[in-house]
Amino acid sequence: MEGITEGINNLNVNGKKNRIQVSNTKKPLFFYVNLAKRYMQQHKEVELSALGMAIATVVTIAEILKNNGLALEKRIMTSTVDMREESGGRPVEKAKIEILLGKTEKFDELMAAAAEEAAYNEEQN
């Protein structure tokens, strides 16, 4: 849980407190899934954003949340962004995706049930 709180504090970008910029190399997939759940609890919606190869990770996160009945797609935007290679070389265009997800009507109910199940499993161990 500490990692999620750290992620919330570190991932607030451009004044948007409900945006998660996803990397496919920095954190595991379910870190972002759990972080998105936390953002939706706090803000009612979350915006997932990624560049290049991380786009598949963002789509996977969105699909996990949708398939579990926690989120609904509100908007999907795609674009390209001009970037420089790390060595200051030539400019490169990278694909970008932004997916805005909102809470479903059953979100709070499903999260409460998951918390109860986790507490029960902890008691059993």
Protein backbone atom coordinates (compact mmCIF):
# COMPACT_ATOMS: atom_id res chain seq x y z
CA MET A 1 0.00 0.00 0.00
CA GLU A 2 2.93 2.35 0.68
CA GLY A 3 4.02 1.96 -2.95
CA ILE A 4 0.59 3.04 -4.17
CA THR A 5 0.65 6.14 -1.94
CA GLU A 6 4.14 6.93 -3.19
CA GLY A 7 2.90 6.49 -6.75
CA ILE A 8 0.00 8.87 -6.13
CA ASN A 9 2.37 11.50 -4.77
CA ASN A 10 4.91 11.08 -7.56
CA LEU A 11 2.59 10.70 -10.56
CA ASN A 12 0.58 13.93 -10.25
CA VAL A 13 1.60 15.71 -13.45
CA ASN A 14 0.60 19.03 -15.01
CA GLY A 15 -1.76 19.85 -12.14
CA LYS A 16 -4.04 16.91 -13.01
CA LYS A 17 -4.45 14.90 -9.84
CA ASN A 18 -6.31 12.08 -11.58
CA ARG A 19 -3.79 11.32 -14.38
CA ILE A 20 -1.51 8.31 -14.40
CA GLN A 21 1.35 8.26 -16.87
CA VAL A 22 2.06 4.59 -17.49
CA SER A 23 5.45 3.10 -18.30
CA ASN A 24 5.84 -0.53 -19.32
CA THR A 25 9.26 -0.73 -17.65
CA LYS A 26 9.02 1.12 -14.32
CA LYS A 27 6.20 -0.58 -12.40
CA PRO A 28 4.32 -3.87 -12.68
CA LEU A 29 0.93 -3.94 -14.41
CA PHE A 30 -1.12 -4.44 -11.23
CA PHE A 31 0.59 -1.48 -9.55
CA TYR A 32 -1.14 0.68 -12.15
CA VAL A 33 -4.44 -1.23 -11.87
CA ASN A 34 -4.51 -0.69 -8.09
CA LEU A 35 -3.41 2.93 -8.46
CA ALA A 36 -6.23 3.56 -10.96
CA LYS A 37 -8.74 2.06 -8.49
CA ARG A 38 -7.45 4.41 -5.79
CA TYR A 39 -7.70 7.42 -8.12
CA MET A 40 -11.29 6.49 -9.03
CA GLN A 41 -12.18 6.26 -5.33
CA GLN A 42 -10.82 9.77 -4.79
CA HIS A 43 -11.76 11.54 -8.02
CA LYS A 44 -14.59 9.45 -9.61
CA GLU A 45 -12.50 9.13 -12.78
CA VAL A 46 -8.94 8.49 -13.87
CA GLU A 47 -7.01 9.35 -17.01
CA LEU A 48 -4.45 6.78 -18.17
CA SER A 49 -1.76 8.08 -20.49
CA ALA A 50 1.14 6.39 -22.29
CA LEU A 51 3.62 6.78 -25.11
CA GLY A 52 4.95 4.24 -27.61
CA MET A 53 5.34 0.69 -26.36
CA ALA A 54 3.51 1.46 -23.09
CA ILE A 55 0.23 1.93 -25.02
CA ALA A 56 -0.47 -1.81 -24.82
CA THR A 57 -0.05 -1.62 -21.04
CA VAL A 58 -2.60 1.22 -20.77
CA VAL A 59 -5.11 -0.67 -22.89
CA THR A 60 -4.62 -3.77 -20.72
CA ILE A 61 -5.16 -1.76 -17.51
CA ALA A 62 -8.36 -0.23 -18.92
CA GLU A 63 -9.67 -3.63 -20.03
CA ILE A 64 -8.97 -5.21 -16.61
CA LEU A 65 -10.89 -2.43 -14.88
CA LYS A 66 -13.77 -2.64 -17.37
CA ASN A 67 -14.00 -6.44 -17.29
CA ASN A 68 -14.11 -6.39 -13.47
CA GLY A 69 -17.09 -4.02 -13.61
CA LEU A 70 -15.17 -1.15 -12.02
CA ALA A 71 -14.83 1.32 -14.90
CA LEU A 72 -16.51 2.68 -18.01
CA GLU A 73 -14.74 4.30 -20.94
CA LYS A 74 -15.55 7.98 -21.18
CA ARG A 75 -13.04 9.07 -23.82
CA ILE A 76 -10.11 7.70 -25.82
CA MET A 77 -7.71 10.07 -27.55
CA THR A 78 -4.77 9.17 -29.73
CA SER A 79 -2.08 11.46 -31.09
CA THR A 80 1.59 11.68 -31.94
CA VAL A 81 4.17 13.60 -29.95
CA ASP A 82 7.49 14.95 -31.23
CA MET A 83 10.36 13.89 -28.97
CA ARG A 84 14.15 13.95 -29.15
CA GLU A 85 16.23 10.83 -28.82
CA GLU A 86 18.03 10.61 -25.47
CA SER A 87 21.40 11.60 -26.91
CA GLY A 88 19.89 14.86 -28.19
CA GLY A 89 19.75 13.41 -31.67
CA ARG A 90 17.07 13.61 -34.29
CA PRO A 91 13.42 14.24 -33.45
CA VAL A 92 11.20 11.16 -33.29
CA GLU A 93 7.41 10.94 -33.42
CA LYS A 94 5.89 8.73 -30.73
CA ALA A 95 2.33 7.49 -30.57
CA LYS A 96 0.35 8.64 -27.52
CA ILE A 97 -2.91 7.42 -26.01
CA GLU A 98 -5.09 8.88 -23.29
CA ILE A 99 -8.00 6.88 -21.89
CA LEU A 100 -10.45 8.52 -19.49
CA LEU A 101 -12.26 6.02 -17.28
CA GLY A 102 -15.14 6.73 -14.92
CA LYS A 103 -16.53 4.72 -12.01
CA THR A 104 -19.40 2.33 -12.65
CA GLU A 105 -22.50 2.43 -10.45
CA LYS A 106 -21.29 -0.77 -8.74
CA PHE A 107 -17.71 0.49 -8.18
CA ASP A 108 -18.05 1.22 -4.44
CA GLU A 109 -19.95 -2.01 -3.82
CA LEU A 110 -17.32 -4.10 -5.67
CA MET A 111 -14.43 -2.37 -3.89
CA ALA A 112 -16.07 -2.97 -0.49
CA ALA A 113 -16.58 -6.66 -1.33
CA ALA A 114 -12.92 -6.98 -2.41
CA ALA A 115 -11.77 -5.33 0.84
CA GLU A 116 -13.92 -7.74 2.88
CA GLU A 117 -12.51 -10.72 1.00
CA ALA A 118 -8.94 -9.51 1.54
CA ALA A 119 -9.60 -9.05 5.27
CA TYR A 120 -11.13 -12.55 5.50
CA ASN A 121 -8.16 -14.11 3.69
CA GLU A 122 -5.77 -12.30 6.00
CA GLU A 123 -7.62 -13.68 9.04
CA GLN A 124 -7.36 -17.21 7.65
CA ASN A 125 -3.57 -16.94 7.33
